[in-house]
Amino acid sequence: MSPDEIRSLIAQSLPEARVDVQDLDGIGQHFQAVVVSERFAGLTLIKQHKLVYEAVQAQIDSGYLHALTLKTYTPEQWQKVSASA
């Protein structure tokens, strides 16, 4: 699976989101996605992650996607995190 494929699946589920996906191991087994969406406002971190995992669950279940680490933010949270970086 490629970062672009994962990004596309997440974007289909959360079309307004900013999605960045990186291949952490260089061989397409372990990825990290940073997802910024207004839909995360007022949701717990677990519910935010659930929204994203729903977009890729079929690939996880089939074994096509082995591991995906998530970082989720509202736009306001993202502004604070990116400003301090």
PDB file of N, CA and C in Angstrom:
ATOM      1  N   MET A   1       0.860  -1.174   0.000  1.00  0.00           N
ATOM      2  CA  MET A   1       0.000   0.000   0.000  1.00  0.00           C
ATOM      3  C   MET A   1       0.900   1.229   0.000  1.00  0.00           C
ATOM      4  N   SER A   2       0.466   2.265  -0.667  1.00  0.00           N
ATOM      5  CA  SER A   2       1.270   3.482  -0.751  1.00  0.00           C
ATOM      6  C   SER A   2       0.655   4.594   0.102  1.00  0.00           C
ATOM      7  N   PRO A   3       1.478   5.583   0.463  1.00  0.00           N
ATOM      8  CA  PRO A   3       0.928   6.732   1.190  1.00  0.00           C
ATOM      9  C   PRO A   3      -0.210   7.416   0.429  1.00  0.00           C
ATOM     10  N   ASP A   4      -0.099   7.483  -0.886  1.00  0.00           N
ATOM     11  CA  ASP A   4      -1.155   8.127  -1.683  1.00  0.00           C
ATOM     12  C   ASP A   4      -2.471   7.364  -1.612  1.00  0.00           C
ATOM     13  N   GLU A   5      -2.401   6.028  -1.601  1.00  0.00           N
ATOM     14  CA  GLU A   5      -3.617   5.229  -1.490  1.00  0.00           C
ATOM     15  C   GLU A   5      -4.306   5.467  -0.147  1.00  0.00           C
ATOM     16  N   ILE A   6      -3.512   5.503   0.911  1.00  0.00           N
ATOM     17  CA  ILE A   6      -4.068   5.744   2.250  1.00  0.00           C
ATOM     18  C   ILE A   6      -4.655   7.146   2.325  1.00  0.00           C
ATOM     19  N   ARG A   7      -3.921   8.119   1.824  1.00  0.00           N
ATOM     20  CA  ARG A   7      -4.397   9.507   1.816  1.00  0.00           C
ATOM     21  C   ARG A   7      -5.732   9.607   1.082  1.00  0.00           C
ATOM     22  N   SER A   8      -5.849   8.928  -0.049  1.00  0.00           N
ATOM     23  CA  SER A   8      -7.076   8.957  -0.842  1.00  0.00           C
ATOM     24  C   SER A   8      -8.258   8.354  -0.084  1.00  0.00           C
ATOM     25  N   LEU A   9      -8.043   7.227   0.574  1.00  0.00           N
ATOM     26  CA  LEU A   9      -9.116   6.597   1.342  1.00  0.00           C
ATOM     27  C   LEU A   9      -9.605   7.495   2.473  1.00  0.00           C
ATOM     28  N   ILE A  10      -8.672   8.111   3.179  1.00  0.00           N
ATOM     29  CA  ILE A  10      -9.048   9.000   4.281  1.00  0.00           C
ATOM     30  C   ILE A  10      -9.768  10.232   3.734  1.00  0.00           C
ATOM     31  N   ALA A  11      -9.269  10.777   2.634  1.00  0.00           N
ATOM     32  CA  ALA A  11      -9.890  11.965   2.032  1.00  0.00           C
ATOM     33  C   ALA A  11     -11.303  11.674   1.529  1.00  0.00           C
ATOM     34  N   GLN A  12     -11.555  10.455   1.079  1.00  0.00           N
ATOM     35  CA  GLN A  12     -12.914  10.097   0.649  1.00  0.00           C
ATOM     36  C   GLN A  12     -13.880  10.123   1.829  1.00  0.00           C
ATOM     37  N   SER A  13     -13.400   9.718   2.989  1.00  0.00           N
ATOM     38  CA  SER A  13     -14.238   9.672   4.182  1.00  0.00           C
ATOM     39  C   SER A  13     -14.353  11.035   4.867  1.00  0.00           C
ATOM     40  N   LEU A  14     -13.275  11.795   4.816  1.00  0.00           N
ATOM     41  CA  LEU A  14     -13.219  13.126   5.429  1.00  0.00           C
ATOM     42  C   LEU A  14     -12.750  14.125   4.369  1.00  0.00           C
ATOM     43  N   PRO A  15     -13.620  14.469   3.414  1.00  0.00           N
ATOM     44  CA  PRO A  15     -13.188  15.272   2.267  1.00  0.00           C
ATOM     45  C   PRO A  15     -12.656  16.661   2.613  1.00  0.00           C
ATOM     46  N   GLU A  16     -13.053  17.207   3.737  1.00  0.00           N
ATOM     47  CA  GLU A  16     -12.583  18.544   4.106  1.00  0.00           C
ATOM     48  C   GLU A  16     -11.246  18.505   4.850  1.00  0.00           C
ATOM     49  N   ALA A  17     -10.756  17.319   5.147  1.00  0.00           N
ATOM     50  CA  ALA A  17      -9.571  17.170   5.984  1.00  0.00           C
ATOM     51  C   ALA A  17      -8.275  17.428   5.218  1.00  0.00           C
ATOM     52  N   ARG A  18      -7.295  17.872   5.965  1.00  0.00           N
ATOM     53  CA  ARG A  18      -5.913  17.935   5.474  1.00  0.00           C
ATOM     54  C   ARG A  18      -5.280  16.624   5.922  1.00  0.00           C
ATOM     55  N   VAL A  19      -4.727  15.869   4.981  1.00  0.00           N
ATOM     56  CA  VAL A  19      -4.187  14.543   5.283  1.00  0.00           C
ATOM     57  C   VAL A  19      -2.765  14.439   4.763  1.00  0.00           C
ATOM     58  N   ASP A  20      -1.852  14.052   5.640  1.00  0.00           N
ATOM     59  CA  ASP A  20      -0.466  13.805   5.252  1.00  0.00           C
ATOM     60  C   ASP A  20      -0.110  12.402   5.721  1.00  0.00           C
ATOM     61  N   VAL A  21       0.381  11.561   4.817  1.00  0.00           N
ATOM     62  CA  VAL A  21       0.726  10.185   5.152  1.00  0.00           C
ATOM     63  C   VAL A  21       2.186   9.936   4.806  1.00  0.00           C
ATOM     64  N   GLN A  22       2.897   9.326   5.756  1.00  0.00           N
ATOM     65  CA  GLN A  22       4.302   8.987   5.546  1.00  0.00           C
ATOM     66  C   GLN A  22       4.509   7.489   5.717  1.00  0.00           C
ATOM     67  N   ASP A  23       5.409   6.942   4.910  1.00  0.00           N
ATOM     68  CA  ASP A  23       5.826   5.550   5.034  1.00  0.00           C
ATOM     69  C   ASP A  23       6.984   5.536   6.034  1.00  0.00           C
ATOM     70  N   LEU A  24       6.730   5.041   7.239  1.00  0.00           N
ATOM     71  CA  LEU A  24       7.724   5.114   8.303  1.00  0.00           C
ATOM     72  C   LEU A  24       8.850   4.102   8.172  1.00  0.00           C
ATOM     73  N   ASP A  25       8.579   2.956   7.571  1.00  0.00           N
ATOM     74  CA  ASP A  25       9.613   1.929   7.497  1.00  0.00           C
ATOM     75  C   ASP A  25      10.259   1.822   6.116  1.00  0.00           C
ATOM     76  N   GLY A  26       9.739   2.573   5.150  1.00  0.00           N
ATOM     77  CA  GLY A  26      10.329   2.581   3.817  1.00  0.00           C
ATOM     78  C   GLY A  26       9.980   1.382   2.954  1.00  0.00           C
ATOM     79  N   ILE A  27       9.178   0.469   3.478  1.00  0.00           N
ATOM     80  CA  ILE A  27       8.818  -0.716   2.699  1.00  0.00           C
ATOM     81  C   ILE A  27       7.303  -0.911   2.595  1.00  0.00           C
ATOM     82  N   GLY A  28       6.546   0.102   3.001  1.00  0.00           N
ATOM     83  CA  GLY A  28       5.100   0.040   2.851  1.00  0.00           C
ATOM     84  C   GLY A  28       4.381  -0.843   3.843  1.00  0.00           C
ATOM     85  N   GLN A  29       4.953  -1.004   5.037  1.00  0.00           N
ATOM     86  CA  GLN A  29       4.318  -1.811   6.066  1.00  0.00           C
ATOM     87  C   GLN A  29       3.777  -0.984   7.228  1.00  0.00           C
ATOM     88  N   HIS A  30       4.450   0.114   7.549  1.00  0.00           N
ATOM     89  CA  HIS A  30       4.068   0.936   8.705  1.00  0.00           C
ATOM     90  C   HIS A  30       4.000   2.396   8.277  1.00  0.00           C
ATOM     91  N   PHE A  31       2.818   2.964   8.453  1.00  0.00           N
ATOM     92  CA  PHE A  31       2.576   4.336   8.024  1.00  0.00           C
ATOM     93  C   PHE A  31       2.147   5.198   9.198  1.00  0.00           C
ATOM     94  N   GLN A  32       2.324   6.500   9.002  1.00  0.00           N
ATOM     95  CA  GLN A  32       1.798   7.477   9.954  1.00  0.00           C
ATOM     96  C   GLN A  32       0.970   8.486   9.179  1.00  0.00           C
ATOM     97  N   ALA A  33      -0.228   8.767   9.678  1.00  0.00           N
ATOM     98  CA  ALA A  33      -1.092   9.768   9.054  1.00  0.00           C
ATOM     99  C   ALA A  33      -1.343  10.898  10.045  1.00  0.00           C
ATOM    100  N   VAL A  34      -1.184  12.121   9.564  1.00  0.00           N
ATOM    101  CA  VAL A  34      -1.569  13.310  10.309  1.00  0.00           C
ATOM    102  C   VAL A  34      -2.821  13.832   9.621  1.00  0.00           C
ATOM    103  N   VAL A  35      -3.905  13.911  10.380  1.00  0.00           N
ATOM    104  CA  VAL A  35      -5.198  14.301   9.813  1.00  0.00           C
ATOM    105  C   VAL A  35      -5.727  15.505  10.591  1.00  0.00           C
ATOM    106  N   VAL A  36      -6.022  16.568   9.865  1.00  0.00           N
ATOM    107  CA  VAL A  36      -6.555  17.789  10.461  1.00  0.00           C
ATOM    108  C   VAL A  36      -7.958  17.996   9.907  1.00  0.00           C
ATOM    109  N   SER A  37      -8.947  18.002  10.816  1.00  0.00           N
ATOM    110  CA  SER A  37     -10.331  18.126  10.358  1.00  0.00           C
ATOM    111  C   SER A  37     -11.180  18.865  11.388  1.00  0.00           C
ATOM    112  N   GLU A  38     -12.059  19.703  10.886  1.00  0.00           N
ATOM    113  CA  GLU A  38     -13.026  20.394  11.746  1.00  0.00           C
ATOM    114  C   GLU A  38     -13.983  19.393  12.390  1.00  0.00           C
ATOM    115  N   ARG A  39     -14.180  18.247  11.741  1.00  0.00           N
ATOM    116  CA  ARG A  39     -15.086  17.228  12.290  1.00  0.00           C
ATOM    117  C   ARG A  39     -14.599  16.655  13.613  1.00  0.00           C
ATOM    118  N   PHE A  40     -13.342  16.858  13.954  1.00  0.00           N
ATOM    119  CA  PHE A  40     -12.806  16.347  15.211  1.00  0.00           C
ATOM    120  C   PHE A  40     -13.179  17.226  16.405  1.00  0.00           C
ATOM    121  N   ALA A  41     -13.677  18.415  16.144  1.00  0.00           N
ATOM    122  CA  ALA A  41     -14.023  19.333  17.232  1.00  0.00           C
ATOM    123  C   ALA A  41     -15.046  18.692  18.165  1.00  0.00           C
ATOM    124  N   GLY A  42     -14.750  18.707  19.446  1.00  0.00           N
ATOM    125  CA  GLY A  42     -15.653  18.174  20.455  1.00  0.00           C
ATOM    126  C   GLY A  42     -15.618  16.666  20.623  1.00  0.00           C
ATOM    127  N   LEU A  43     -14.814  15.966  19.805  1.00  0.00           N
ATOM    128  CA  LEU A  43     -14.714  14.514  19.911  1.00  0.00           C
ATOM    129  C   LEU A  43     -13.504  14.112  20.751  1.00  0.00           C
ATOM    130  N   THR A  44     -13.628  13.004  21.451  1.00  0.00           N
ATOM    131  CA  THR A  44     -12.464  12.475  22.166  1.00  0.00           C
ATOM    132  C   THR A  44     -11.451  11.979  21.137  1.00  0.00           C
ATOM    133  N   LEU A  45     -10.226  11.806  21.574  1.00  0.00           N
ATOM    134  CA  LEU A  45      -9.175  11.306  20.695  1.00  0.00           C
ATOM    135  C   LEU A  45      -9.553   9.940  20.124  1.00  0.00           C
ATOM    136  N   ILE A  46     -10.149   9.101  20.939  1.00  0.00           N
ATOM    137  CA  ILE A  46     -10.560   7.772  20.472  1.00  0.00           C
ATOM    138  C   ILE A  46     -11.599   7.892  19.358  1.00  0.00           C
ATOM    139  N   LYS A  47     -12.559   8.780  19.509  1.00  0.00           N
ATOM    140  CA  LYS A  47     -13.587   8.954  18.474  1.00  0.00           C
ATOM    141  C   LYS A  47     -12.991   9.558  17.199  1.00  0.00           C
ATOM    142  N   GLN A  48     -12.018  10.445  17.356  1.00  0.00           N
ATOM    143  CA  GLN A  48     -11.328  11.005  16.190  1.00  0.00           C
ATOM    144  C   GLN A  48     -10.638   9.887  15.410  1.00  0.00           C
ATOM    145  N   HIS A  49      -9.898   9.056  16.139  1.00  0.00           N
ATOM    146  CA  HIS A  49      -9.174   7.960  15.490  1.00  0.00           C
ATOM    147  C   HIS A  49     -10.135   6.965  14.853  1.00  0.00           C
ATOM    148  N   LYS A  50     -11.251   6.718  15.511  1.00  0.00           N
ATOM    149  CA  LYS A  50     -12.246   5.792  14.961  1.00  0.00           C
ATOM    150  C   LYS A  50     -12.757   6.287  13.611  1.00  0.00           C
ATOM    151  N   LEU A  51     -13.001   7.595  13.497  1.00  0.00           N
ATOM    152  CA  LEU A  51     -13.450   8.164  12.221  1.00  0.00           C
ATOM    153  C   LEU A  51     -12.448   7.873  11.106  1.00  0.00           C
ATOM    154  N   VAL A  52     -11.169   8.014  11.421  1.00  0.00           N
ATOM    155  CA  VAL A  52     -10.138   7.781  10.404  1.00  0.00           C
ATOM    156  C   VAL A  52      -9.993   6.293  10.110  1.00  0.00           C
ATOM    157  N   TYR A  53      -9.940   5.471  11.152  1.00  0.00           N
ATOM    158  CA  TYR A  53      -9.784   4.029  10.938  1.00  0.00           C
ATOM    159  C   TYR A  53     -10.935   3.431  10.142  1.00  0.00           C
ATOM    160  N   GLU A  54     -12.142   3.985  10.275  1.00  0.00           N
ATOM    161  CA  GLU A  54     -13.272   3.499   9.478  1.00  0.00           C
ATOM    162  C   GLU A  54     -12.986   3.599   7.983  1.00  0.00           C
ATOM    163  N   ALA A  55     -12.203   4.595   7.600  1.00  0.00           N
ATOM    164  CA  ALA A  55     -11.891   4.804   6.183  1.00  0.00           C
ATOM    165  C   ALA A  55     -10.951   3.733   5.624  1.00  0.00           C
ATOM    166  N   VAL A  56     -10.163   3.121   6.480  1.00  0.00           N
ATOM    167  CA  VAL A  56      -9.160   2.152   6.017  1.00  0.00           C
ATOM    168  C   VAL A  56      -9.365   0.752   6.603  1.00  0.00           C
ATOM    169  N   GLN A  57     -10.469   0.542   7.293  1.00  0.00           N
ATOM    170  CA  GLN A  57     -10.683  -0.726   7.996  1.00  0.00           C
ATOM    171  C   GLN A  57     -10.659  -1.945   7.071  1.00  0.00           C
ATOM    172  N   ALA A  58     -11.224  -1.824   5.897  1.00  0.00           N
ATOM    173  CA  ALA A  58     -11.231  -2.962   4.967  1.00  0.00           C
ATOM    174  C   ALA A  58      -9.810  -3.363   4.586  1.00  0.00           C
ATOM    175  N   GLN A  59      -8.925  -2.384   4.403  1.00  0.00           N
ATOM    176  CA  GLN A  59      -7.531  -2.680   4.049  1.00  0.00           C
ATOM    177  C   GLN A  59      -6.786  -3.297   5.237  1.00  0.00           C
ATOM    178  N   ILE A  60      -7.114  -2.856   6.445  1.00  0.00           N
ATOM    179  CA  ILE A  60      -6.504  -3.446   7.639  1.00  0.00           C
ATOM    180  C   ILE A  60      -6.985  -4.887   7.791  1.00  0.00           C
ATOM    181  N   ASP A  61      -8.287  -5.096   7.658  1.00  0.00           N
ATOM    182  CA  ASP A  61      -8.863  -6.431   7.801  1.00  0.00           C
ATOM    183  C   ASP A  61      -8.292  -7.419   6.783  1.00  0.00           C
ATOM    184  N   SER A  62      -8.030  -6.937   5.577  1.00  0.00           N
ATOM    185  CA  SER A  62      -7.508  -7.813   4.523  1.00  0.00           C
ATOM    186  C   SER A  62      -6.009  -8.055   4.648  1.00  0.00           C
ATOM    187  N   GLY A  63      -5.342  -7.254   5.487  1.00  0.00           N
ATOM    188  CA  GLY A  63      -3.890  -7.368   5.621  1.00  0.00           C
ATOM    189  C   GLY A  63      -3.130  -6.523   4.618  1.00  0.00           C
ATOM    190  N   TYR A  64      -3.854  -5.838   3.737  1.00  0.00           N
ATOM    191  CA  TYR A  64      -3.205  -4.976   2.745  1.00  0.00           C
ATOM    192  C   TYR A  64      -2.524  -3.788   3.422  1.00  0.00           C
ATOM    193  N   LEU A  65      -3.095  -3.320   4.512  1.00  0.00           N
ATOM    194  CA  LEU A  65      -2.505  -2.260   5.326  1.00  0.00           C
ATOM    195  C   LEU A  65      -2.146  -2.874   6.665  1.00  0.00           C
ATOM    196  N   HIS A  66      -0.856  -2.905   6.957  1.00  0.00           N
ATOM    197  CA  HIS A  66      -0.380  -3.597   8.161  1.00  0.00           C
ATOM    198  C   HIS A  66      -0.479  -2.737   9.415  1.00  0.00           C
ATOM    199  N   ALA A  67       0.054  -1.514   9.373  1.00  0.00           N
ATOM    200  CA  ALA A  67       0.079  -0.673  10.575  1.00  0.00           C
ATOM    201  C   ALA A  67      -0.075   0.798  10.194  1.00  0.00           C
ATOM    202  N   LEU A  68      -0.933   1.480  10.936  1.00  0.00           N
ATOM    203  CA  LEU A  68      -1.166   2.907  10.700  1.00  0.00           C
ATOM    204  C   LEU A  68      -1.230   3.623  12.043  1.00  0.00           C
ATOM    205  N   THR A  69      -0.292   4.512  12.253  1.00  0.00           N
ATOM    206  CA  THR A  69      -0.275   5.355  13.437  1.00  0.00           C
ATOM    207  C   THR A  69      -0.956   6.672  13.084  1.00  0.00           C
ATOM    208  N   LEU A  70      -1.810   7.161  13.985  1.00  0.00           N
ATOM    209  CA  LEU A  70      -2.556   8.389  13.700  1.00  0.00           C
ATOM    210  C   LEU A  70      -2.187   9.519  14.636  1.00  0.00           C
ATOM    211  N   LYS A  71      -2.193  10.718  14.074  1.00  0.00           N
ATOM    212  CA  LYS A  71      -2.158  11.959  14.838  1.00  0.00           C
ATOM    213  C   LYS A  71      -3.296  12.788  14.276  1.00  0.00           C
ATOM    214  N   THR A  72      -4.266  13.101  15.128  1.00  0.00           N
ATOM    215  CA  THR A  72      -5.440  13.844  14.675  1.00  0.00           C
ATOM    216  C   THR A  72      -5.536  15.178  15.407  1.00  0.00           C
ATOM    217  N   TYR A  73      -5.957  16.192  14.665  1.00  0.00           N
ATOM    218  CA  TYR A  73      -6.048  17.545  15.212  1.00  0.00           C
ATOM    219  C   TYR A  73      -7.245  18.272  14.616  1.00  0.00           C
ATOM    220  N   THR A  74      -7.811  19.176  15.407  1.00  0.00           N
ATOM    221  CA  THR A  74      -8.725  20.160  14.841  1.00  0.00           C
ATOM    222  C   THR A  74      -7.845  21.223  14.184  1.00  0.00           C
ATOM    223  N   PRO A  75      -8.401  22.072  13.316  1.00  0.00           N
ATOM    224  CA  PRO A  75      -7.576  23.132  12.721  1.00  0.00           C
ATOM    225  C   PRO A  75      -6.925  24.037  13.776  1.00  0.00           C
ATOM    226  N   GLU A  76      -7.649  24.318  14.856  1.00  0.00           N
ATOM    227  CA  GLU A  76      -7.100  25.172  15.912  1.00  0.00           C
ATOM    228  C   GLU A  76      -5.921  24.491  16.616  1.00  0.00           C
ATOM    229  N   GLN A  77      -6.072  23.203  16.904  1.00  0.00           N
ATOM    230  CA  GLN A  77      -4.980  22.448  17.525  1.00  0.00           C
ATOM    231  C   GLN A  77      -3.776  22.393  16.591  1.00  0.00           C
ATOM    232  N   TRP A  78      -4.028  22.204  15.312  1.00  0.00           N
ATOM    233  CA  TRP A  78      -2.955  22.106  14.334  1.00  0.00           C
ATOM    234  C   TRP A  78      -2.175  23.421  14.251  1.00  0.00           C
ATOM    235  N   GLN A  79      -2.884  24.543  14.316  1.00  0.00           N
ATOM    236  CA  GLN A  79      -2.203  25.835  14.282  1.00  0.00           C
ATOM    237  C   GLN A  79      -1.231  25.954  15.447  1.00  0.00           C
ATOM    238  N   LYS A  80      -1.660  25.536  16.627  1.00  0.00           N
ATOM    239  CA  LYS A  80      -0.784  25.615  17.802  1.00  0.00           C
ATOM    240  C   LYS A  80       0.409  24.680  17.681  1.00  0.00           C
ATOM    241  N   VAL A  81       0.159  23.467  17.224  1.00  0.00           N
ATOM    242  CA  VAL A  81       1.244  22.479  17.097  1.00  0.00           C
ATOM    243  C   VAL A  81       2.245  22.913  16.030  1.00  0.00           C
ATOM    244  N   SER A  82       1.757  23.350  14.895  1.00  0.00           N
ATOM    245  CA  SER A  82       2.659  23.721  13.794  1.00  0.00           C
ATOM    246  C   SER A  82       3.389  25.027  14.088  1.00  0.00           C
ATOM    247  N   ALA A  83       2.792  25.904  14.871  1.00  0.00           N
ATOM    248  CA  ALA A  83       3.465  27.159  15.226  1.00  0.00           C
ATOM    249  C   ALA A  83       4.618  26.929  16.195  1.00  0.00           C
ATOM    250  N   SER A  84       4.504  25.892  17.034  1.00  0.00           N
ATOM    251  CA  SER A  84       5.557  25.627  18.008  1.00  0.00           C
ATOM    252  C   SER A  84       6.668  24.752  17.447  1.00  0.00           C
ATOM    253  N   ALA A  85       6.482  24.247  16.238  1.00  0.00           N
ATOM    254  CA  ALA A  85       7.497  23.357  15.636  1.00  0.00           C
ATOM    255  C   ALA A  85       8.631  24.134  15.031  1.00  0.00           C
TER     256      ALA A  85
END
